N, C-alpha and C. Protein backbone atom coordinates (compact mmCIF):
# COMPACT_ATOMS: atom_id res chain seq x y z
N MET A 1 -0.84 -16.78 -21.60
CA MET A 1 -2.01 -16.00 -21.21
C MET A 1 -1.70 -14.51 -21.30
N ARG A 2 -0.47 -14.14 -20.87
CA ARG A 2 -0.08 -12.74 -20.94
C ARG A 2 -0.04 -12.27 -22.39
N ARG A 3 0.58 -13.07 -23.26
CA ARG A 3 0.66 -12.68 -24.67
C ARG A 3 -0.74 -12.58 -25.27
N ARG A 4 -1.62 -13.52 -24.93
CA ARG A 4 -2.99 -13.49 -25.44
C ARG A 4 -3.70 -12.22 -24.95
N TRP A 5 -3.52 -11.89 -23.67
CA TRP A 5 -4.14 -10.71 -23.09
C TRP A 5 -3.71 -9.45 -23.86
N GLU A 6 -2.41 -9.29 -24.08
CA GLU A 6 -1.90 -8.10 -24.76
C GLU A 6 -2.30 -8.10 -26.24
N ALA A 7 -2.35 -9.29 -26.89
CA ALA A 7 -2.76 -9.38 -28.29
C ALA A 7 -4.22 -8.97 -28.47
N GLN A 8 -5.03 -9.17 -27.43
CA GLN A 8 -6.45 -8.78 -27.49
C GLN A 8 -6.65 -7.32 -27.11
N GLY A 9 -5.56 -6.58 -26.98
CA GLY A 9 -5.67 -5.15 -26.71
C GLY A 9 -5.66 -4.77 -25.24
N GLY A 10 -5.40 -5.74 -24.36
CA GLY A 10 -5.30 -5.43 -22.93
C GLY A 10 -4.06 -4.59 -22.66
N PRO A 11 -4.04 -3.85 -21.57
CA PRO A 11 -2.85 -3.04 -21.27
C PRO A 11 -1.64 -3.92 -21.04
N PRO A 12 -0.44 -3.40 -21.36
CA PRO A 12 0.76 -4.21 -21.17
C PRO A 12 0.93 -4.57 -19.70
N CYS A 13 1.49 -5.74 -19.47
CA CYS A 13 1.78 -6.17 -18.11
C CYS A 13 3.11 -6.89 -18.13
N GLY A 14 3.93 -6.62 -17.14
CA GLY A 14 5.24 -7.23 -17.10
C GLY A 14 5.82 -7.14 -15.71
N PRO A 15 7.09 -7.50 -15.56
CA PRO A 15 7.73 -7.47 -14.26
C PRO A 15 7.59 -6.10 -13.61
N GLY A 16 7.22 -6.09 -12.36
CA GLY A 16 7.06 -4.86 -11.62
C GLY A 16 5.73 -4.18 -11.83
N MET A 17 4.90 -4.71 -12.74
CA MET A 17 3.58 -4.14 -13.01
C MET A 17 2.54 -5.17 -12.58
N PRO A 18 1.51 -4.75 -11.87
CA PRO A 18 0.50 -5.73 -11.49
C PRO A 18 -0.27 -6.22 -12.71
N PRO A 19 -0.26 -7.53 -12.95
CA PRO A 19 -1.00 -8.03 -14.10
C PRO A 19 -2.50 -8.00 -13.85
N PRO A 20 -3.28 -7.93 -14.92
CA PRO A 20 -4.74 -7.96 -14.76
C PRO A 20 -5.18 -9.30 -14.19
N PRO A 21 -6.36 -9.35 -13.59
CA PRO A 21 -6.83 -10.59 -12.95
C PRO A 21 -6.81 -11.80 -13.88
N GLU A 22 -7.12 -11.60 -15.16
CA GLU A 22 -7.14 -12.73 -16.09
C GLU A 22 -5.76 -13.38 -16.19
N VAL A 23 -4.74 -12.55 -16.16
CA VAL A 23 -3.37 -13.06 -16.26
C VAL A 23 -2.92 -13.60 -14.91
N MET A 24 -3.31 -12.91 -13.84
CA MET A 24 -2.87 -13.29 -12.51
C MET A 24 -3.24 -14.73 -12.16
N HIS A 25 -4.38 -15.18 -12.60
CA HIS A 25 -4.85 -16.49 -12.21
C HIS A 25 -4.51 -17.58 -13.22
N ALA A 26 -3.95 -17.22 -14.35
CA ALA A 26 -3.63 -18.21 -15.38
C ALA A 26 -2.61 -19.23 -14.87
N TRP A 27 -1.60 -18.75 -14.17
CA TRP A 27 -0.57 -19.69 -13.71
C TRP A 27 -1.15 -20.65 -12.67
N ARG A 28 -2.07 -20.18 -11.82
CA ARG A 28 -2.69 -21.05 -10.82
C ARG A 28 -3.49 -22.16 -11.52
N GLU A 29 -4.22 -21.77 -12.56
CA GLU A 29 -5.00 -22.76 -13.30
C GLU A 29 -4.07 -23.79 -13.96
N PHE A 30 -2.96 -23.31 -14.54
CA PHE A 30 -1.99 -24.23 -15.15
C PHE A 30 -1.43 -25.17 -14.10
N PHE A 31 -1.04 -24.61 -12.96
CA PHE A 31 -0.49 -25.43 -11.87
C PHE A 31 -1.49 -26.51 -11.46
N HIS A 32 -2.75 -26.11 -11.32
CA HIS A 32 -3.80 -27.06 -10.91
C HIS A 32 -3.98 -28.15 -11.95
N ARG A 33 -4.05 -27.76 -13.22
CA ARG A 33 -4.20 -28.76 -14.29
C ARG A 33 -2.99 -29.70 -14.33
N PHE A 34 -1.81 -29.14 -14.14
CA PHE A 34 -0.57 -29.91 -14.27
C PHE A 34 -0.34 -30.85 -13.09
N THR A 35 -0.64 -30.39 -11.86
CA THR A 35 -0.33 -31.19 -10.67
C THR A 35 -1.56 -31.83 -10.04
N GLY A 36 -2.76 -31.34 -10.37
CA GLY A 36 -3.97 -31.87 -9.77
C GLY A 36 -4.30 -31.25 -8.42
N THR A 37 -3.55 -30.25 -8.02
CA THR A 37 -3.82 -29.57 -6.76
C THR A 37 -3.51 -28.09 -6.92
N TRP A 38 -4.08 -27.27 -6.05
CA TRP A 38 -3.81 -25.84 -6.08
C TRP A 38 -2.48 -25.58 -5.38
N PRO A 39 -1.76 -24.53 -5.76
CA PRO A 39 -0.43 -24.31 -5.19
C PRO A 39 -0.41 -24.25 -3.66
N GLU A 40 -1.39 -23.57 -3.06
CA GLU A 40 -1.38 -23.43 -1.60
C GLU A 40 -1.66 -24.75 -0.88
N ALA A 41 -2.21 -25.74 -1.60
CA ALA A 41 -2.48 -27.04 -1.01
C ALA A 41 -1.37 -28.04 -1.29
N HIS A 42 -0.45 -27.69 -2.18
CA HIS A 42 0.64 -28.60 -2.54
C HIS A 42 1.63 -28.69 -1.39
N TRP A 43 2.12 -29.85 -1.11
CA TRP A 43 3.00 -30.05 0.04
C TRP A 43 4.30 -29.25 -0.07
N VAL A 44 4.78 -28.96 -1.27
CA VAL A 44 6.02 -28.20 -1.42
C VAL A 44 5.77 -26.70 -1.30
N PHE A 45 4.68 -26.23 -1.88
CA PHE A 45 4.47 -24.80 -2.02
C PHE A 45 3.53 -24.19 -1.00
N GLY A 46 3.14 -24.92 0.00
CA GLY A 46 2.29 -24.36 1.05
C GLY A 46 3.10 -23.44 1.94
N GLY A 47 2.44 -22.71 2.79
CA GLY A 47 3.14 -21.88 3.76
C GLY A 47 3.23 -20.43 3.36
N ARG A 48 3.61 -19.63 4.34
CA ARG A 48 3.63 -18.17 4.18
C ARG A 48 4.63 -17.70 3.12
N ARG A 49 5.76 -18.40 3.01
CA ARG A 49 6.78 -17.97 2.06
C ARG A 49 6.23 -17.87 0.63
N PHE A 50 5.23 -18.71 0.32
CA PHE A 50 4.68 -18.76 -1.03
C PHE A 50 3.36 -18.00 -1.16
N SER A 51 2.96 -17.26 -0.13
CA SER A 51 1.64 -16.62 -0.16
C SER A 51 1.41 -15.69 -1.35
N PRO A 52 2.42 -14.93 -1.83
CA PRO A 52 2.13 -14.14 -3.04
C PRO A 52 1.76 -15.01 -4.24
N TRP A 53 2.33 -16.20 -4.34
CA TRP A 53 1.93 -17.12 -5.40
C TRP A 53 0.48 -17.49 -5.22
N HIS A 54 0.08 -17.75 -3.98
CA HIS A 54 -1.30 -18.14 -3.71
C HIS A 54 -2.27 -17.04 -4.10
N GLN A 55 -1.81 -15.79 -4.01
CA GLN A 55 -2.66 -14.66 -4.35
C GLN A 55 -2.68 -14.40 -5.86
N GLY A 56 -1.91 -15.17 -6.61
CA GLY A 56 -1.91 -15.02 -8.05
C GLY A 56 -0.91 -13.99 -8.56
N ILE A 57 0.06 -13.61 -7.74
CA ILE A 57 1.07 -12.65 -8.18
C ILE A 57 2.13 -13.45 -8.94
N GLU A 58 1.93 -13.55 -10.24
CA GLU A 58 2.75 -14.46 -11.04
C GLU A 58 4.20 -14.04 -11.15
N SER A 59 4.52 -12.76 -11.00
CA SER A 59 5.91 -12.33 -11.14
C SER A 59 6.73 -12.64 -9.90
N PHE A 60 6.07 -12.92 -8.76
CA PHE A 60 6.77 -13.21 -7.52
C PHE A 60 7.59 -14.48 -7.66
N ASN A 61 8.81 -14.46 -7.15
CA ASN A 61 9.66 -15.64 -7.16
C ASN A 61 10.10 -15.91 -5.72
N PRO A 62 9.59 -16.96 -5.09
CA PRO A 62 9.91 -17.21 -3.69
C PRO A 62 11.39 -17.49 -3.45
N PHE A 63 12.11 -17.94 -4.46
CA PHE A 63 13.53 -18.24 -4.29
C PHE A 63 14.34 -16.94 -4.23
N VAL A 64 13.96 -15.95 -5.02
CA VAL A 64 14.58 -14.63 -4.93
C VAL A 64 14.21 -13.99 -3.59
N ALA A 65 12.93 -14.11 -3.23
CA ALA A 65 12.46 -13.53 -1.97
C ALA A 65 13.21 -14.13 -0.78
N ALA A 66 13.50 -15.42 -0.82
CA ALA A 66 14.20 -16.06 0.29
C ALA A 66 15.59 -15.46 0.48
N LEU A 67 16.22 -15.04 -0.60
CA LEU A 67 17.55 -14.43 -0.49
C LEU A 67 17.48 -13.01 0.06
N LEU A 68 16.40 -12.31 -0.23
CA LEU A 68 16.30 -10.91 0.17
C LEU A 68 15.54 -10.70 1.47
N SER A 69 14.71 -11.64 1.84
CA SER A 69 13.90 -11.49 3.05
C SER A 69 14.77 -11.62 4.28
N LYS A 70 14.15 -11.40 5.43
CA LYS A 70 14.84 -11.38 6.72
C LYS A 70 15.85 -12.51 6.88
N GLY A 71 15.46 -13.73 6.60
CA GLY A 71 16.35 -14.85 6.80
C GLY A 71 17.44 -14.98 5.74
N GLY A 72 17.26 -14.38 4.58
CA GLY A 72 18.21 -14.54 3.49
C GLY A 72 19.46 -13.70 3.61
N GLY A 73 19.34 -12.54 4.20
CA GLY A 73 20.50 -11.74 4.51
C GLY A 73 21.05 -10.83 3.42
N LEU A 74 20.54 -10.87 2.21
CA LEU A 74 21.09 -10.01 1.16
C LEU A 74 20.50 -8.60 1.14
N LEU A 75 19.34 -8.41 1.74
CA LEU A 75 18.70 -7.10 1.67
C LEU A 75 19.57 -5.98 2.22
N PRO A 76 20.20 -6.12 3.39
CA PRO A 76 21.05 -5.02 3.87
C PRO A 76 22.18 -4.70 2.90
N LEU A 77 22.78 -5.73 2.31
CA LEU A 77 23.85 -5.52 1.35
C LEU A 77 23.34 -4.77 0.12
N VAL A 78 22.18 -5.15 -0.38
CA VAL A 78 21.59 -4.49 -1.55
C VAL A 78 21.29 -3.02 -1.23
N VAL A 79 20.73 -2.77 -0.06
CA VAL A 79 20.40 -1.39 0.34
C VAL A 79 21.67 -0.56 0.47
N LEU A 80 22.69 -1.09 1.12
CA LEU A 80 23.95 -0.35 1.26
C LEU A 80 24.56 -0.07 -0.12
N GLN A 81 24.48 -1.04 -1.02
CA GLN A 81 25.02 -0.84 -2.38
C GLN A 81 24.25 0.27 -3.11
N LEU A 82 22.94 0.29 -2.98
CA LEU A 82 22.14 1.35 -3.61
C LEU A 82 22.50 2.72 -3.04
N LEU A 83 22.72 2.78 -1.73
CA LEU A 83 23.08 4.06 -1.09
C LEU A 83 24.51 4.47 -1.42
N ALA A 84 25.38 3.52 -1.74
CA ALA A 84 26.75 3.86 -2.16
C ALA A 84 26.73 4.59 -3.50
N GLN A 85 25.72 4.32 -4.31
CA GLN A 85 25.59 4.97 -5.61
C GLN A 85 25.18 6.42 -5.46
N GLN A 86 24.23 6.67 -4.52
CA GLN A 86 23.76 8.03 -4.25
C GLN A 86 22.77 7.98 -3.10
N PRO A 87 22.56 9.12 -2.42
CA PRO A 87 21.54 9.16 -1.36
C PRO A 87 20.16 8.87 -1.96
N ARG A 88 19.32 8.18 -1.17
CA ARG A 88 18.00 7.79 -1.66
C ARG A 88 17.00 7.82 -0.52
N TYR A 89 15.72 7.84 -0.88
CA TYR A 89 14.65 7.74 0.11
C TYR A 89 14.06 6.34 0.03
N GLY A 90 13.31 5.96 1.07
CA GLY A 90 12.82 4.59 1.20
C GLY A 90 12.04 4.07 0.03
N ASN A 91 11.08 4.85 -0.47
CA ASN A 91 10.27 4.40 -1.61
C ASN A 91 11.13 4.21 -2.86
N GLU A 92 12.13 5.05 -3.02
CA GLU A 92 13.03 4.90 -4.16
C GLU A 92 13.81 3.59 -4.05
N ILE A 93 14.25 3.26 -2.84
CA ILE A 93 14.97 2.00 -2.62
C ILE A 93 14.06 0.83 -2.95
N MET A 94 12.82 0.88 -2.48
CA MET A 94 11.88 -0.21 -2.78
C MET A 94 11.66 -0.35 -4.28
N GLY A 95 11.52 0.77 -4.98
CA GLY A 95 11.31 0.72 -6.43
C GLY A 95 12.50 0.14 -7.16
N LEU A 96 13.71 0.50 -6.73
CA LEU A 96 14.92 -0.01 -7.38
C LEU A 96 15.09 -1.50 -7.14
N ILE A 97 14.73 -1.96 -5.95
CA ILE A 97 14.82 -3.40 -5.68
C ILE A 97 13.84 -4.15 -6.58
N ALA A 98 12.63 -3.64 -6.72
CA ALA A 98 11.66 -4.28 -7.61
C ALA A 98 12.19 -4.30 -9.04
N GLU A 99 12.80 -3.20 -9.45
CA GLU A 99 13.36 -3.11 -10.81
C GLU A 99 14.51 -4.10 -10.99
N ARG A 100 15.42 -4.14 -10.02
CA ARG A 100 16.60 -5.01 -10.12
C ARG A 100 16.24 -6.49 -10.05
N THR A 101 15.16 -6.82 -9.37
CA THR A 101 14.73 -8.22 -9.31
C THR A 101 13.72 -8.53 -10.41
N ARG A 102 13.53 -7.59 -11.32
CA ARG A 102 12.57 -7.72 -12.42
C ARG A 102 11.18 -8.05 -11.89
N GLY A 103 10.85 -7.46 -10.73
CA GLY A 103 9.54 -7.65 -10.14
C GLY A 103 9.36 -8.99 -9.46
N ARG A 104 10.42 -9.77 -9.34
CA ARG A 104 10.30 -11.10 -8.73
C ARG A 104 10.20 -11.01 -7.21
N TRP A 105 10.62 -9.88 -6.64
CA TRP A 105 10.42 -9.62 -5.22
C TRP A 105 10.26 -8.12 -5.07
N VAL A 106 9.24 -7.73 -4.36
CA VAL A 106 8.97 -6.31 -4.15
C VAL A 106 9.05 -6.05 -2.66
N ALA A 107 10.00 -5.20 -2.28
CA ALA A 107 10.15 -4.84 -0.87
C ALA A 107 8.94 -4.03 -0.43
N ASN A 108 8.64 -4.09 0.84
CA ASN A 108 7.54 -3.30 1.36
C ASN A 108 8.04 -2.44 2.51
N PRO A 109 7.29 -1.43 2.92
CA PRO A 109 7.74 -0.55 4.00
C PRO A 109 8.06 -1.31 5.29
N GLY A 110 7.36 -2.41 5.54
CA GLY A 110 7.62 -3.19 6.74
C GLY A 110 8.96 -3.89 6.73
N ALA A 111 9.58 -4.00 5.57
CA ALA A 111 10.93 -4.58 5.46
C ALA A 111 11.98 -3.48 5.40
N ILE A 112 11.70 -2.43 4.63
CA ILE A 112 12.72 -1.41 4.38
C ILE A 112 12.91 -0.45 5.56
N TYR A 113 11.83 0.10 6.09
CA TYR A 113 12.00 1.14 7.12
C TYR A 113 12.59 0.61 8.42
N PRO A 114 12.21 -0.57 8.91
CA PRO A 114 12.92 -1.08 10.09
C PRO A 114 14.40 -1.33 9.80
N LEU A 115 14.72 -1.79 8.57
CA LEU A 115 16.11 -1.99 8.20
C LEU A 115 16.85 -0.65 8.19
N MET A 116 16.22 0.39 7.65
CA MET A 116 16.87 1.71 7.61
C MET A 116 17.14 2.20 9.03
N MET A 117 16.20 1.99 9.95
CA MET A 117 16.40 2.40 11.35
C MET A 117 17.56 1.61 11.98
N GLU A 118 17.63 0.31 11.64
CA GLU A 118 18.72 -0.52 12.17
C GLU A 118 20.07 -0.06 11.62
N LEU A 119 20.13 0.20 10.31
CA LEU A 119 21.37 0.68 9.70
C LEU A 119 21.78 2.02 10.29
N GLU A 120 20.79 2.87 10.56
CA GLU A 120 21.07 4.17 11.16
C GLU A 120 21.58 4.00 12.59
N ALA A 121 20.97 3.09 13.35
CA ALA A 121 21.39 2.84 14.74
C ALA A 121 22.83 2.32 14.81
N HIS A 122 23.26 1.60 13.77
CA HIS A 122 24.64 1.08 13.72
C HIS A 122 25.61 2.09 13.11
N GLY A 123 25.12 3.26 12.73
CA GLY A 123 25.99 4.30 12.18
C GLY A 123 26.39 4.07 10.74
N LEU A 124 25.67 3.18 10.03
CA LEU A 124 26.02 2.86 8.65
C LEU A 124 25.36 3.81 7.66
N VAL A 125 24.22 4.37 8.03
CA VAL A 125 23.54 5.37 7.20
C VAL A 125 23.14 6.53 8.10
N ARG A 126 22.92 7.66 7.46
CA ARG A 126 22.43 8.86 8.15
C ARG A 126 21.19 9.32 7.41
N GLY A 127 20.10 9.47 8.12
CA GLY A 127 18.87 9.93 7.51
C GLY A 127 18.65 11.40 7.80
N GLU A 128 18.19 12.11 6.78
CA GLU A 128 17.87 13.54 6.93
C GLU A 128 16.51 13.79 6.31
N TRP A 129 15.72 14.60 6.97
CA TRP A 129 14.42 14.97 6.42
C TRP A 129 14.64 15.98 5.31
N GLU A 130 13.99 15.76 4.17
CA GLU A 130 14.08 16.71 3.06
C GLU A 130 13.56 18.07 3.52
N ASP A 131 12.45 18.06 4.24
CA ASP A 131 11.88 19.27 4.84
C ASP A 131 11.71 18.96 6.33
N PRO A 132 12.65 19.42 7.18
CA PRO A 132 12.61 19.08 8.60
C PRO A 132 11.31 19.47 9.31
N GLU A 133 10.62 20.49 8.82
CA GLU A 133 9.39 20.91 9.47
C GLU A 133 8.22 19.99 9.12
N ARG A 134 8.11 19.58 7.88
CA ARG A 134 7.00 18.72 7.45
C ARG A 134 7.30 17.24 7.65
N ARG A 135 8.59 16.87 7.64
CA ARG A 135 9.03 15.49 7.86
C ARG A 135 8.28 14.50 6.95
N THR A 136 8.28 14.77 5.66
CA THR A 136 7.57 13.91 4.73
C THR A 136 8.49 12.90 4.05
N ILE A 137 9.66 13.33 3.61
CA ILE A 137 10.58 12.44 2.90
C ILE A 137 11.92 12.42 3.63
N ARG A 138 12.36 11.21 3.97
CA ARG A 138 13.64 11.05 4.66
C ARG A 138 14.64 10.49 3.66
N ILE A 139 15.71 11.25 3.45
CA ILE A 139 16.76 10.85 2.51
C ILE A 139 17.88 10.19 3.33
N TYR A 140 18.31 9.03 2.86
CA TYR A 140 19.36 8.28 3.54
C TYR A 140 20.68 8.41 2.79
N HIS A 141 21.73 8.64 3.56
CA HIS A 141 23.09 8.79 3.03
C HIS A 141 23.95 7.69 3.64
N LEU A 142 24.85 7.13 2.87
CA LEU A 142 25.78 6.14 3.38
C LEU A 142 26.90 6.88 4.13
N THR A 143 27.21 6.46 5.34
CA THR A 143 28.30 7.08 6.10
C THR A 143 29.61 6.42 5.72
N GLU A 144 30.71 6.99 6.18
CA GLU A 144 32.01 6.38 5.92
C GLU A 144 32.07 4.99 6.56
N GLN A 145 31.52 4.86 7.75
CA GLN A 145 31.45 3.55 8.41
C GLN A 145 30.60 2.59 7.57
N GLY A 146 29.54 3.10 6.95
CA GLY A 146 28.71 2.28 6.07
C GLY A 146 29.46 1.82 4.84
N ARG A 147 30.32 2.71 4.28
CA ARG A 147 31.13 2.32 3.11
C ARG A 147 32.11 1.20 3.47
N GLU A 148 32.71 1.34 4.64
CA GLU A 148 33.65 0.30 5.08
C GLU A 148 32.93 -1.02 5.30
N GLU A 149 31.76 -0.96 5.92
CA GLU A 149 30.97 -2.18 6.16
C GLU A 149 30.52 -2.80 4.85
N LEU A 150 30.12 -1.98 3.89
CA LEU A 150 29.71 -2.48 2.58
C LEU A 150 30.86 -3.24 1.93
N GLU A 151 32.06 -2.71 1.98
CA GLU A 151 33.21 -3.39 1.38
C GLU A 151 33.49 -4.71 2.09
N ARG A 152 33.38 -4.73 3.41
CA ARG A 152 33.58 -5.99 4.15
C ARG A 152 32.51 -7.01 3.76
N LEU A 153 31.25 -6.58 3.71
CA LEU A 153 30.16 -7.49 3.35
C LEU A 153 30.33 -8.03 1.94
N LYS A 154 30.71 -7.15 1.01
CA LYS A 154 30.91 -7.60 -0.38
C LYS A 154 32.02 -8.64 -0.46
N ALA A 155 33.09 -8.44 0.30
CA ALA A 155 34.20 -9.39 0.29
C ALA A 155 33.77 -10.75 0.82
N ILE A 156 32.86 -10.74 1.78
CA ILE A 156 32.38 -12.00 2.36
C ILE A 156 31.32 -12.64 1.48
N VAL A 157 30.37 -11.84 1.00
CA VAL A 157 29.19 -12.38 0.32
C VAL A 157 29.45 -12.71 -1.15
N ARG A 158 30.25 -11.91 -1.84
CA ARG A 158 30.45 -12.11 -3.29
C ARG A 158 30.87 -13.54 -3.63
N PRO A 159 31.90 -14.11 -2.98
CA PRO A 159 32.27 -15.49 -3.34
C PRO A 159 31.17 -16.51 -3.01
N LYS A 160 30.48 -16.30 -1.89
CA LYS A 160 29.41 -17.23 -1.52
C LYS A 160 28.22 -17.12 -2.46
N LEU A 161 27.92 -15.91 -2.89
CA LEU A 161 26.82 -15.71 -3.83
C LEU A 161 27.17 -16.33 -5.19
N GLY A 162 28.41 -16.15 -5.63
CA GLY A 162 28.85 -16.79 -6.87
C GLY A 162 28.77 -18.30 -6.79
N GLU A 163 29.14 -18.84 -5.64
CA GLU A 163 29.05 -20.28 -5.41
C GLU A 163 27.59 -20.74 -5.45
N ALA A 164 26.72 -19.97 -4.82
CA ALA A 164 25.28 -20.31 -4.81
C ALA A 164 24.72 -20.30 -6.23
N VAL A 165 25.12 -19.31 -7.03
CA VAL A 165 24.66 -19.23 -8.42
C VAL A 165 25.11 -20.47 -9.19
N LYS A 166 26.35 -20.88 -8.99
CA LYS A 166 26.85 -22.07 -9.69
C LYS A 166 26.07 -23.32 -9.27
N VAL A 167 25.83 -23.47 -7.96
CA VAL A 167 25.08 -24.63 -7.48
C VAL A 167 23.68 -24.62 -8.09
N LEU A 168 23.03 -23.45 -8.11
CA LEU A 168 21.68 -23.36 -8.68
C LEU A 168 21.68 -23.65 -10.17
N GLN A 169 22.71 -23.17 -10.89
CA GLN A 169 22.81 -23.47 -12.31
C GLN A 169 22.96 -24.98 -12.53
N ASP A 170 23.78 -25.63 -11.69
CA ASP A 170 23.96 -27.08 -11.81
C ASP A 170 22.64 -27.81 -11.53
N LEU A 171 21.93 -27.38 -10.48
CA LEU A 171 20.64 -27.99 -10.17
C LEU A 171 19.65 -27.80 -11.31
N LEU A 172 19.64 -26.61 -11.89
CA LEU A 172 18.74 -26.35 -13.01
C LEU A 172 19.09 -27.22 -14.20
N ARG A 173 20.39 -27.36 -14.50
CA ARG A 173 20.80 -28.25 -15.60
C ARG A 173 20.34 -29.68 -15.34
N ASP A 174 20.47 -30.13 -14.09
CA ASP A 174 20.02 -31.48 -13.75
C ASP A 174 18.52 -31.63 -13.99
N LEU A 175 17.76 -30.61 -13.60
CA LEU A 175 16.31 -30.67 -13.77
C LEU A 175 15.92 -30.63 -15.25
N GLU A 176 16.73 -29.96 -16.05
CA GLU A 176 16.43 -29.84 -17.48
C GLU A 176 17.05 -30.94 -18.32
N ALA A 177 17.87 -31.79 -17.71
CA ALA A 177 18.57 -32.83 -18.46
C ALA A 177 17.57 -33.71 -19.20
N GLU A 178 17.95 -34.09 -20.41
CA GLU A 178 17.08 -34.97 -21.19
C GLU A 178 16.99 -36.33 -20.51
N GLU A 179 15.85 -36.93 -20.60
CA GLU A 179 15.64 -38.23 -19.99
C GLU A 179 16.62 -39.22 -20.56
N GLY A 180 17.18 -40.05 -19.70
CA GLY A 180 18.13 -41.05 -20.14
C GLY A 180 19.57 -40.62 -20.04
N LYS A 181 19.81 -39.30 -19.89
CA LYS A 181 21.19 -38.83 -19.73
C LYS A 181 21.57 -38.85 -18.27
N ALA A 182 22.83 -39.03 -18.03
CA ALA A 182 23.33 -39.01 -16.64
C ALA A 182 23.22 -37.60 -16.10
N PRO A 183 23.00 -37.46 -14.79
CA PRO A 183 22.94 -36.14 -14.18
C PRO A 183 24.26 -35.39 -14.38
N HIS A 184 24.17 -34.08 -14.34
CA HIS A 184 25.33 -33.21 -14.52
C HIS A 184 26.37 -33.49 -13.43
N ALA A 185 27.59 -33.75 -13.83
CA ALA A 185 28.64 -34.00 -12.85
C ALA A 185 29.32 -32.69 -12.49
N GLU A 186 29.80 -32.62 -11.25
CA GLU A 186 30.47 -31.40 -10.78
C GLU A 186 31.78 -31.25 -11.53
N GLN A 187 32.08 -30.05 -11.92
CA GLN A 187 33.31 -29.79 -12.69
C GLN A 187 34.40 -29.28 -11.79
């Protein structure tokens, strides 16, 4: 549907860009034709976690979101890593997360700013107003304590994340296995 839309002269749409309504609803129609039910009514895909899918946001990936959302635990690590590269402001952090996830999860102010306040309260980041009188843009800097915490978190999370990627790759291979072949065995 996306290729057809662009071939007919519609504006480009891709990860991180809101697709036009015609494209947004194409996946829902496919899902309905394929399963006989709408995604929000399906027993697997119901619930709040999948609500962007229900709204037709085709680039959203609930599995990526689960890793970055409150319960997933990777968002603080990602934010600290972005701040280790250079000081940034909240909207810039949100934009980079959308870019890095190829638009599969887009952070919102309700996720980022409370996290920034929490990181600041723990002494991991320091926020400064770009213009202290107008207080419009707050730039966040990683503190030395934040750098140390980032290294500790990376040491803990990196092996577990690599393990999770391997498990997901194995599960995907099993799902893609040709009919009649034995499931993928653990190596």
